[in-house]
Protein backbone atom coordinates (compact mmCIF):
# COMPACT_ATOMS: atom_id res chain seq x y z
CA MET A 1 118.50 92.85 59.22
CA LYS A 2 121.83 94.13 58.59
CA LEU A 3 122.14 97.80 57.55
CA SER A 4 124.51 97.06 54.60
CA SER A 5 121.60 94.82 52.89
CA LEU A 6 119.15 97.77 53.35
CA VAL A 7 121.70 100.21 51.77
CA SER A 8 122.34 97.84 49.02
CA VAL A 9 118.82 97.47 48.09
CA ILE A 10 118.20 101.31 48.17
CA SER A 11 121.28 101.96 46.10
CA LEU A 12 120.22 99.20 43.53
CA THR A 13 116.94 100.83 43.30
CA GLU A 14 118.66 104.32 42.72
CA ILE A 15 121.05 102.92 40.12
CA LEU A 16 118.47 101.35 38.07
CA MET A 17 116.39 104.51 38.03
CA VAL A 18 119.33 106.58 36.71
CA GLY A 19 119.99 103.90 34.19
CA GLN A 20 116.50 103.91 33.15
CA GLN A 21 116.75 107.87 32.67
CA LEU A 22 119.94 107.23 30.72
CA TYR A 23 118.77 104.92 28.15
CA SER A 24 115.38 106.82 27.85
CA GLN A 25 117.49 109.71 26.40
CA ASN A 26 120.34 107.60 24.32
CA PHE A 27 118.16 104.36 23.49
CA LEU A 28 121.45 102.34 24.33
CA VAL A 29 119.48 100.04 26.42
CA MET A 30 122.23 97.03 26.49
CA GLU A 31 125.18 99.45 27.29
CA THR A 32 123.35 101.24 30.13
CA MET A 33 122.28 98.04 31.59
CA THR A 34 125.91 96.62 31.38
CA ALA A 35 127.36 99.54 32.99
CA VAL A 36 124.56 99.23 35.87
CA ALA A 37 125.39 95.51 36.22
CA PHE A 38 129.16 96.45 36.62
CA ILE A 39 128.59 99.05 39.05
CA THR A 40 126.05 96.85 41.11
CA SER A 41 128.49 94.20 41.18
CA LEU A 42 131.39 96.39 42.11
CA SER A 43 129.42 97.64 44.93
CA SER A 44 128.31 94.39 46.32
CA ARG A 45 131.70 93.04 46.05
CA CYS A 46 133.02 96.04 48.28
CA SER A 47 130.41 95.63 50.95
CA ILE A 48 131.39 91.94 51.22
CA PHE A 49 135.28 92.56 51.42
CA CYS A 50 135.51 95.94 52.95
């Protein structure tokens, strides 16, 4: 297994946890999950091309 795969799974879990904490405070679920999806997309693209 590649180390980058393991790191991406861990980072996805952490990003989702922070997103959940944010939308439980401000009740902006769609906006928070859109930001989480954007960050996840950027990090996965960077791991492919970098």
